[in-house]
Amino acid sequence: MSRMDSPAQPERTPDGRYIVVKGRKWRATDPEIPEDVAARLRRHLMAARRAVAASRRKDDTAAEKRARSRVHTAKVALGERGTPWWEESLTERRRRWEDGVGELDADQPL
């Protein structure tokens, strides 16, 4: 069963560009990202989201800003922010996710 066929996956729009959660459309992850890379990016994303929450609990605005930057980097690398992945060439898409995972790995190794 592929990632797209998994029952745990949210509903997608017919063009596959968006997922639908509680009636709201969100940009889908770039389907060309290799699963191992996408998984690393999702781990970075979740760690950064946890860091946002922790920094807010501590009222540490500098740490929150750094954590939010990592969230943004992960979302861009996944194709969920920035230039829509369907408007980029495969070379541009690959560069986007490779640069993102490289930056996140250098900043916060998993």
Protein backbone atom coordinates (compact mmCIF):
# COMPACT_ATOMS: atom_id res chain seq x y z
CA MET A 1 0.00 0.00 0.00
CA SER A 2 1.46 3.38 -0.96
CA ARG A 3 1.50 6.51 1.15
CA MET A 4 -1.35 7.90 -0.98
CA ASP A 5 -3.55 4.79 -0.43
CA SER A 6 -3.06 4.59 3.33
CA PRO A 7 -6.34 4.79 5.25
CA ALA A 8 -4.69 7.22 7.71
CA GLN A 9 -4.16 9.77 4.94
CA PRO A 10 -6.52 12.76 4.79
CA GLU A 11 -8.87 13.38 1.89
CA ARG A 12 -7.23 15.01 -1.15
CA THR A 13 -8.63 17.30 -3.78
CA PRO A 14 -9.02 15.64 -7.20
CA ASP A 15 -5.84 17.31 -8.50
CA GLY A 16 -3.84 15.97 -5.50
CA ARG A 17 -2.48 19.39 -4.65
CA TYR A 18 -4.36 19.87 -1.40
CA ILE A 19 -5.53 17.83 1.55
CA VAL A 20 -8.87 18.56 3.20
CA VAL A 21 -9.02 18.61 7.00
CA LYS A 22 -12.29 19.55 8.70
CA GLY A 23 -13.47 21.16 5.46
CA ARG A 24 -10.35 23.32 5.10
CA LYS A 25 -7.85 22.92 2.27
CA TRP A 26 -4.13 22.76 3.06
CA ARG A 27 -1.31 22.37 0.55
CA ALA A 28 -0.25 18.73 0.27
CA THR A 29 3.31 17.55 0.72
CA ASP A 30 5.24 17.23 -2.54
CA PRO A 31 4.57 13.64 -3.68
CA GLU A 32 8.01 13.39 -5.34
CA ILE A 33 9.91 13.61 -2.05
CA PRO A 34 11.37 10.17 -1.29
CA GLU A 35 9.59 8.65 1.71
CA ASP A 36 12.76 8.46 3.85
CA VAL A 37 13.46 12.16 3.26
CA ALA A 38 9.81 13.12 3.86
CA ALA A 39 9.89 11.17 7.13
CA ARG A 40 13.04 13.03 8.26
CA LEU A 41 11.43 16.35 7.36
CA ARG A 42 8.28 15.42 9.30
CA ARG A 43 10.41 14.47 12.34
CA HIS A 44 12.16 17.86 12.12
CA LEU A 45 8.78 19.58 11.76
CA MET A 46 7.32 17.87 14.81
CA ALA A 47 10.46 18.54 16.89
CA ALA A 48 10.32 22.21 15.89
CA ARG A 49 6.62 22.41 16.79
CA ARG A 50 7.41 20.91 20.20
CA ALA A 51 10.19 23.51 20.59
CA VAL A 52 7.72 26.30 19.78
CA ALA A 53 5.40 25.06 22.52
CA ALA A 54 8.23 24.66 25.04
CA SER A 55 9.60 28.13 24.32
CA ARG A 56 6.13 29.65 24.72
CA ARG A 57 5.71 27.92 28.09
CA LYS A 58 9.04 29.44 29.17
CA ASP A 59 8.17 32.82 27.60
CA ASP A 60 11.46 32.63 25.67
CA THR A 61 10.81 34.75 22.59
CA ALA A 62 14.27 34.18 21.08
CA ALA A 63 13.88 30.39 21.29
CA GLU A 64 10.35 30.66 19.90
CA LYS A 65 11.62 32.66 16.92
CA ARG A 66 14.31 30.02 16.21
CA ALA A 67 11.80 27.19 16.52
CA ARG A 68 9.28 28.92 14.25
CA SER A 69 12.03 29.40 11.68
CA ARG A 70 12.70 25.64 11.76
CA VAL A 71 8.97 24.94 11.34
CA HIS A 72 8.97 27.22 8.29
CA THR A 73 12.08 25.58 6.83
CA ALA A 74 10.52 22.13 7.19
CA LYS A 75 7.19 23.23 5.68
CA VAL A 76 8.98 24.82 2.69
CA ALA A 77 11.13 21.72 2.20
CA LEU A 78 7.99 19.55 2.26
CA GLY A 79 6.47 21.79 -0.41
CA GLU A 80 3.69 22.98 1.89
CA ARG A 81 4.84 26.63 1.82
CA GLY A 82 6.66 28.79 -0.67
CA THR A 83 6.39 28.27 -4.40
CA PRO A 84 3.79 25.56 -5.09
CA TRP A 85 5.57 22.29 -5.93
CA TRP A 86 3.45 21.81 -9.05
CA GLU A 87 4.91 25.05 -10.46
CA GLU A 88 8.53 23.88 -10.05
CA SER A 89 10.62 21.54 -12.15
CA LEU A 90 11.69 18.25 -10.61
CA THR A 91 15.22 19.67 -10.32
CA GLU A 92 13.95 22.70 -8.39
CA ARG A 93 11.80 20.49 -6.18
CA ARG A 94 14.71 18.16 -5.40
CA ARG A 95 16.95 21.13 -4.57
CA ARG A 96 14.22 22.51 -2.25
CA TRP A 97 13.88 19.35 -0.17
CA GLU A 98 17.61 18.55 -0.17
CA ASP A 99 18.51 22.09 0.95
CA GLY A 100 15.81 22.01 3.62
CA VAL A 101 16.77 18.67 5.12
CA GLY A 102 20.45 19.67 5.00
CA GLU A 103 19.76 22.92 6.84
CA LEU A 104 17.58 21.22 9.44
CA ASP A 105 20.05 18.36 9.98
CA ALA A 106 22.88 20.89 10.47
CA ASP A 107 20.81 22.96 12.91
CA GLN A 108 19.22 20.15 14.94
CA PRO A 109 20.49 16.63 14.15
CA LEU A 110 17.87 13.98 14.83
